[in-house]
């Protein structure tokens, strides 16, 4: 049985991290987490059901890596039942002549008149989602209709040459065991390397200010407003240093910092807590959850750069002189 872990086991990907974080912040319930896992399982199994050489083996995960509380995984029996349901769904589509409408494909509007037609016939303008990026599985969730119903509609639109179905590249797999492709030594000898600074803050103003401060000093910035989605973005971008706002709508900087510290991928990345609530208690608590430092708001460019230079080895290029008028 899979379950939420206190610290993400080696090799588990960012989707699992994001799900664990949502649970830890009580943004979703364990039952909602299980529903997400079940839906993801259906999507993964569906492309395999028409394979004549499909073999299934079950691999147990070591119990000492898992927290038995807040279970979000599925038992072997539940997985078998899910596979049975997916087989049934595939054969149903076959009988309807819709087996070519693969759910992992994405519809793309070809006809300029289709949008007006949908707008007049339905309160939900599906053409807004037929952009070649949203898969048929996505449309099932958006419309809250069974796959068979959505597939039949798309089949009709394909026959009318109103849309076409395109393959969509999957998101890259993020292996947290191979977190940093460049060692510190390799970074130093890479002439084109620019350190990446991440900032998780719900204020767009902070993002704009940091972008102005950092880009002019030779750094790159990845700005994140949503902490939950931020787990995914951080895993994909591998920052050299992370700024985290203390007060955010759905969580706080302490919880997020502690969660990142429990992940092998971010165990050694410098994390700086930012807040206007500067004080001894807050600074102490920030240290206890694994933050390297504490930065008060509002901050100047000099203060930001001084903080980064303290933890990131980088000789920025000389600032360019402003063009004379």
Protein backbone atom coordinates (compact mmCIF):
# COMPACT_ATOMS: atom_id res chain seq x y z
CA UNK A 1 0.00 0.00 0.00
CA UNK A 2 1.39 3.41 -0.96
CA UNK A 3 1.12 6.17 1.61
CA UNK A 4 2.24 9.72 2.22
CA UNK A 5 5.86 9.83 3.38
CA UNK A 6 7.45 12.10 5.95
CA UNK A 7 10.38 12.61 3.58
CA UNK A 8 10.05 11.79 -0.08
CA UNK A 9 11.67 8.41 -0.78
CA UNK A 10 14.56 8.48 -3.28
CA UNK A 11 13.37 8.18 -6.86
CA UNK A 12 9.81 9.43 -6.35
CA UNK A 13 8.97 12.21 -8.78
CA UNK A 14 7.71 15.74 -8.32
CA UNK A 15 4.05 14.79 -8.81
CA UNK A 16 4.28 12.76 -5.60
CA UNK A 17 6.02 15.65 -3.84
CA UNK A 18 3.28 18.07 -4.89
CA UNK A 19 0.58 15.68 -3.69
CA UNK A 20 2.31 15.21 -0.34
CA UNK A 21 2.66 18.96 0.07
CA UNK A 22 -1.04 19.53 -0.70
CA UNK A 23 -1.89 16.98 1.98
CA UNK A 24 0.50 18.45 4.52
CA UNK A 25 -1.09 21.88 4.01
CA UNK A 26 -4.62 20.37 4.19
CA UNK A 27 -5.36 21.77 0.72
CA UNK A 28 -6.78 18.35 -0.15
CA UNK A 29 -8.10 15.49 1.97
CA UNK A 30 -6.69 11.94 1.91
CA UNK A 31 -9.79 10.77 0.01
CA UNK A 32 -9.25 13.49 -2.61
CA UNK A 33 -5.60 12.46 -2.84
CA UNK A 34 -6.63 8.86 -3.48
CA UNK A 35 -9.05 10.03 -6.19
CA UNK A 36 -6.20 11.91 -7.90
CA UNK A 37 -4.00 8.80 -7.77
CA UNK A 38 -6.84 6.69 -9.17
CA UNK A 39 -7.43 9.08 -12.09
CA UNK A 40 -3.70 9.21 -12.82
CA UNK A 41 -3.59 5.41 -12.79
CA UNK A 42 -6.40 5.18 -15.36
CA UNK A 43 -4.52 7.58 -17.65
CA UNK A 44 -1.33 5.54 -17.31
CA UNK A 45 -2.99 2.17 -17.87
CA UNK A 46 -5.18 3.10 -20.84
CA UNK A 47 -2.39 3.19 -23.50
CA UNK A 48 -1.28 -0.27 -22.36
CA UNK A 49 -4.54 -2.20 -22.63
CA UNK A 50 -4.28 -2.82 -26.38
CA UNK A 51 -0.77 -4.22 -26.08
CA UNK A 52 -0.64 -7.94 -26.86
CA UNK A 53 2.58 -8.34 -24.89
CA UNK A 54 1.47 -6.62 -21.70
CA UNK A 55 2.84 -8.23 -18.54
CA UNK A 56 2.07 -7.00 -15.05
CA UNK A 57 4.23 -7.40 -11.97
CA UNK A 58 3.67 -5.94 -8.52
CA UNK A 59 6.47 -4.36 -6.55
CA UNK A 60 6.10 -3.66 -2.85
CA UNK A 61 7.51 -0.41 -1.42
CA UNK A 62 9.47 -0.72 1.81
CA UNK A 63 7.28 0.18 4.76
CA UNK A 64 10.03 2.12 6.55
CA UNK A 65 9.95 4.72 3.75
CA UNK A 66 6.25 5.37 4.20
CA UNK A 67 4.06 7.06 6.77
CA UNK A 68 1.01 4.86 7.50
CA UNK A 69 -1.07 7.96 8.26
CA UNK A 70 -3.01 9.83 5.57
CA UNK A 71 -2.80 7.00 3.07
CA UNK A 72 -3.25 8.17 -0.50
CA UNK A 73 -2.10 5.13 -2.45
CA UNK A 74 -3.99 2.17 -3.84
CA UNK A 75 -3.81 -1.47 -2.82
CA UNK A 76 -2.89 -4.20 -5.31
CA UNK A 77 -6.56 -5.22 -5.46
CA UNK A 78 -7.63 -1.64 -6.25
CA UNK A 79 -5.05 -1.45 -9.02
CA UNK A 80 -6.29 -4.74 -10.48
CA UNK A 81 -9.85 -3.41 -10.40
CA UNK A 82 -8.74 -0.19 -12.10
CA UNK A 83 -7.04 -2.24 -14.83
CA UNK A 84 -10.23 -4.25 -15.30
CA UNK A 85 -12.28 -1.04 -15.62
CA UNK A 86 -9.85 0.41 -18.16
CA UNK A 87 -10.03 -2.79 -20.22
CA UNK A 88 -13.84 -2.51 -20.20
CA UNK A 89 -13.73 1.14 -21.24
CA UNK A 90 -11.32 0.41 -24.10
CA UNK A 91 -13.50 -2.40 -25.47
CA UNK A 92 -16.56 -0.16 -25.20
CA UNK A 93 -14.83 2.48 -27.35
CA UNK A 94 -13.81 -0.26 -29.78
CA UNK A 95 -17.42 -1.37 -30.20
CA UNK A 96 -18.43 2.25 -30.85
CA UNK A 97 -15.76 2.61 -33.54
CA UNK A 98 -13.89 5.16 -31.43
CA UNK A 99 -10.74 3.24 -30.58
CA UNK A 100 -8.68 5.61 -32.75
CA UNK A 101 -9.62 8.52 -30.46
CA UNK A 102 -6.77 8.02 -28.01
CA UNK A 103 -7.51 9.91 -24.74
CA UNK A 104 -3.91 11.09 -24.46
CA UNK A 105 -4.24 13.03 -27.72
CA UNK A 106 -5.22 16.70 -27.82
CA UNK A 107 -7.90 18.22 -30.09
CA UNK A 108 -7.00 21.31 -32.11
CA UNK A 109 -9.61 23.52 -33.80
CA UNK A 110 -9.27 23.72 -37.59
CA UNK A 111 -12.48 25.59 -38.45
CA UNK A 112 -12.87 29.30 -37.73
CA UNK A 113 -16.65 28.86 -37.49
CA UNK A 114 -16.54 26.20 -34.78
CA UNK A 115 -15.99 28.63 -31.92
CA UNK A 116 -19.11 30.66 -32.77
CA UNK A 117 -21.13 27.49 -33.12
CA UNK A 118 -20.09 26.17 -29.72
CA UNK A 119 -20.67 29.54 -28.07
CA UNK A 120 -24.27 29.60 -29.31
CA UNK A 121 -25.04 25.95 -28.53
CA UNK A 122 -23.38 25.51 -25.15
CA UNK A 123 -22.71 27.51 -22.03
CA UNK A 124 -19.23 25.98 -21.97
CA UNK A 125 -17.10 27.04 -24.92
CA UNK A 126 -15.03 23.91 -25.42
CA UNK A 127 -13.08 25.43 -28.28
CA UNK A 128 -11.17 27.49 -25.71
CA UNK A 129 -9.68 24.19 -24.50
CA UNK A 130 -9.13 22.68 -27.95
CA UNK A 131 -5.73 24.28 -28.38
CA UNK A 132 -3.61 21.20 -29.03
CA UNK A 133 -2.36 21.26 -25.43
CA UNK A 134 -5.34 19.93 -23.44
CA UNK A 135 -5.75 16.19 -23.86
CA UNK A 136 -9.05 14.36 -24.14
CA UNK A 137 -8.56 13.30 -20.53
CA UNK A 138 -8.47 17.02 -19.67
CA UNK A 139 -11.73 17.59 -21.53
CA UNK A 140 -13.33 14.73 -19.58
CA UNK A 141 -12.46 16.55 -16.36
CA UNK A 142 -13.53 19.97 -17.68
CA UNK A 143 -16.91 18.79 -18.99
CA UNK A 144 -17.47 16.24 -16.20
CA UNK A 145 -18.67 13.83 -18.89
CA UNK A 146 -17.68 10.17 -19.44
CA UNK A 147 -14.85 9.45 -21.85
CA UNK A 148 -17.29 7.75 -24.22
CA UNK A 149 -19.46 10.90 -24.50
CA UNK A 150 -16.49 13.23 -25.09
CA UNK A 151 -14.95 10.80 -27.58
CA UNK A 152 -18.21 10.57 -29.55
CA UNK A 153 -18.39 14.38 -29.80
CA UNK A 154 -14.78 14.64 -30.94
CA UNK A 155 -15.30 11.82 -33.44
CA UNK A 156 -18.14 13.81 -35.00
CA UNK A 157 -16.01 16.97 -35.19
CA UNK A 158 -13.12 15.03 -36.74
CA UNK A 159 -15.47 13.60 -39.38
CA UNK A 160 -16.70 17.14 -40.12
CA UNK A 161 -13.06 18.28 -40.40
CA UNK A 162 -13.70 20.87 -37.71
CA UNK A 163 -10.85 19.63 -35.49
CA UNK A 164 -7.82 17.39 -35.68
CA UNK A 165 -6.22 15.26 -32.98
CA UNK A 166 -2.55 15.81 -32.19
CA UNK A 167 -0.03 14.05 -30.01
CA UNK A 168 1.17 15.97 -26.96
CA UNK A 169 4.67 15.72 -25.53
CA UNK A 170 4.59 14.55 -21.96
CA UNK A 171 6.19 16.61 -19.19
CA UNK A 172 9.80 15.60 -18.58
CA UNK A 173 10.41 13.12 -15.79
CA UNK A 174 12.14 14.79 -12.85
CA UNK A 175 14.39 12.36 -11.01
CA UNK A 176 15.17 13.92 -7.65
CA UNK A 177 18.08 11.53 -7.17
CA UNK A 178 19.92 13.34 -9.97
CA UNK A 179 19.06 16.78 -8.73
CA UNK A 180 22.05 18.80 -9.88
CA UNK A 181 23.57 18.01 -13.29
CA UNK A 182 26.39 20.47 -12.65
CA UNK A 183 28.69 20.00 -9.69
CA UNK A 184 29.89 23.19 -7.92
CA UNK A 185 33.24 22.78 -9.67
CA UNK A 186 31.58 22.38 -13.05
CA UNK A 187 29.53 25.51 -12.47
CA UNK A 188 32.66 27.54 -11.86
CA UNK A 189 34.28 26.51 -15.13
CA UNK A 190 31.08 26.98 -17.15
CA UNK A 191 31.57 30.42 -18.69
CA UNK A 192 27.93 30.78 -19.68
CA UNK A 193 26.44 29.63 -16.39
CA UNK A 194 24.13 32.13 -14.68
CA UNK A 195 22.95 31.19 -11.18
CA UNK A 196 19.20 30.66 -10.93
CA UNK A 197 17.38 32.30 -8.03
CA UNK A 198 13.85 31.16 -7.16
CA UNK A 199 11.31 33.28 -5.31
CA UNK A 200 8.00 32.00 -3.92
CA UNK A 201 5.84 34.99 -3.07
CA UNK A 202 2.16 35.70 -3.75
CA UNK A 203 2.88 39.37 -4.55
CA UNK A 204 3.51 40.09 -8.28
CA UNK A 205 5.19 43.35 -7.23
CA UNK A 206 7.93 41.42 -5.42
CA UNK A 207 8.46 39.31 -8.53
CA UNK A 208 8.88 42.38 -10.75
CA UNK A 209 11.28 44.06 -8.32
CA UNK A 210 13.43 40.96 -8.01
CA UNK A 211 13.49 40.49 -11.77
CA UNK A 212 14.78 44.04 -12.18
CA UNK A 213 17.37 43.66 -9.42
CA UNK A 214 18.72 40.25 -10.46
CA UNK A 215 18.77 40.34 -14.25
CA UNK A 216 20.86 43.50 -14.25
CA UNK A 217 23.37 41.69 -12.03
CA UNK A 218 23.79 38.55 -14.14
CA UNK A 219 21.33 36.25 -12.34
CA UNK A 220 18.29 34.40 -13.63
CA UNK A 221 14.99 34.42 -11.75
CA UNK A 222 12.11 31.97 -11.57
CA UNK A 223 9.16 33.62 -9.84
CA UNK A 224 6.40 31.46 -8.33
CA UNK A 225 3.08 32.71 -6.94
CA UNK A 226 1.41 29.35 -6.17
CA UNK A 227 3.36 27.34 -3.54
CA UNK A 228 1.80 24.01 -4.57
CA UNK A 229 2.70 24.45 -8.22
CA UNK A 230 6.01 25.82 -7.00
CA UNK A 231 7.14 22.34 -5.93
CA UNK A 232 6.86 21.25 -9.55
CA UNK A 233 8.61 24.36 -10.89
CA UNK A 234 11.46 24.10 -8.39
CA UNK A 235 12.05 20.44 -9.28
CA UNK A 236 12.17 21.28 -12.98
CA UNK A 237 14.42 24.35 -12.71
CA UNK A 238 16.89 23.38 -9.97
CA UNK A 239 17.60 26.80 -8.40
CA UNK A 240 20.85 27.72 -6.64
CA UNK A 241 19.01 29.66 -3.93
CA UNK A 242 15.36 30.01 -2.89
CA UNK A 243 13.59 33.02 -1.37
CA UNK A 244 10.30 32.17 0.37
CA UNK A 245 7.74 34.68 1.61
CA UNK A 246 6.68 34.03 5.20
CA UNK A 247 2.97 34.91 4.86
CA UNK A 248 0.96 33.48 1.94
CA UNK A 249 -2.76 32.73 1.49
CA UNK A 250 -2.68 28.90 1.62
CA UNK A 251 0.47 28.20 3.61
CA UNK A 252 3.43 29.92 5.26
CA UNK A 253 7.14 30.03 4.62
CA UNK A 254 7.97 27.87 7.64
CA UNK A 255 5.90 24.91 6.43
CA UNK A 256 7.15 25.19 2.87
CA UNK A 257 10.78 25.47 3.98
CA UNK A 258 10.45 22.42 6.22
CA UNK A 259 8.83 20.43 3.41
CA UNK A 260 11.67 21.30 1.00
CA UNK A 261 14.27 20.39 3.61
CA UNK A 262 12.70 16.92 3.91
CA UNK A 263 13.25 16.41 0.18
CA UNK A 264 16.61 15.07 -0.91
CA UNK A 265 16.58 17.40 -3.92
CA UNK A 266 16.49 20.59 -1.81
CA UNK A 267 18.24 19.45 1.36
CA UNK A 268 21.34 21.58 0.69
CA UNK A 269 19.87 24.46 -1.33
CA UNK A 270 20.09 27.79 0.59
CA UNK A 271 16.59 28.92 1.60
CA UNK A 272 15.97 32.52 2.73
CA UNK A 273 12.76 33.49 4.52
CA UNK A 274 11.46 36.96 3.55
CA UNK A 275 8.98 38.95 5.64
CA UNK A 276 8.09 42.33 7.05
CA UNK A 277 7.54 40.62 10.44
CA UNK A 278 11.18 40.75 11.44
CA UNK A 279 11.96 39.69 14.99
CA UNK A 280 13.96 37.31 17.19
CA UNK A 281 11.15 34.73 17.42
CA UNK A 282 10.58 34.63 13.67
CA UNK A 283 14.30 34.42 12.94
CA UNK A 284 14.71 31.56 15.43
CA UNK A 285 11.78 29.64 13.98
CA UNK A 286 13.16 30.13 10.48
CA UNK A 287 16.45 28.55 11.58
CA UNK A 288 14.61 25.63 13.21
CA UNK A 289 12.84 24.69 9.96
CA UNK A 290 16.09 24.77 8.01
CA UNK A 291 16.25 28.29 6.57
CA UNK A 292 19.78 29.57 6.03
CA UNK A 293 18.89 33.21 6.63
CA UNK A 294 16.18 35.81 7.10
CA UNK A 295 15.55 38.93 4.97
CA UNK A 296 13.32 41.79 6.04
CA UNK A 297 10.87 43.57 3.74
CA UNK A 298 11.03 45.97 2.04
CA UNK A 299 14.53 45.26 0.77
CA UNK A 300 16.97 47.12 -1.46
CA UNK A 301 18.93 45.74 -4.41
CA UNK A 302 22.08 45.95 -2.33
CA UNK A 303 20.52 43.84 0.44
CA UNK A 304 19.26 41.19 -2.01
CA UNK A 305 22.59 40.88 -3.79
CA UNK A 306 24.52 40.79 -0.52
CA UNK A 307 22.32 37.90 0.66
CA UNK A 308 22.82 35.99 -2.60
CA UNK A 309 26.60 36.55 -2.63
CA UNK A 310 26.70 35.14 0.90
CA UNK A 311 25.47 31.72 -0.27
CA UNK A 312 26.05 31.53 -4.04
CA UNK A 313 29.54 31.48 -5.58
CA UNK A 314 29.35 33.74 -8.59
CA UNK A 315 31.31 36.65 -10.01
CA UNK A 316 28.71 38.75 -11.83
CA UNK A 317 29.76 40.62 -14.96
CA UNK A 318 30.40 44.36 -14.58
CA UNK A 319 27.24 46.41 -14.83
CA UNK A 320 26.71 47.96 -18.21
CA UNK A 321 26.75 51.73 -18.32
CA UNK A 322 23.44 53.33 -19.24
CA UNK A 323 23.42 54.81 -22.75
CA UNK A 324 23.89 58.53 -22.77
CA UNK A 325 21.01 60.62 -24.02
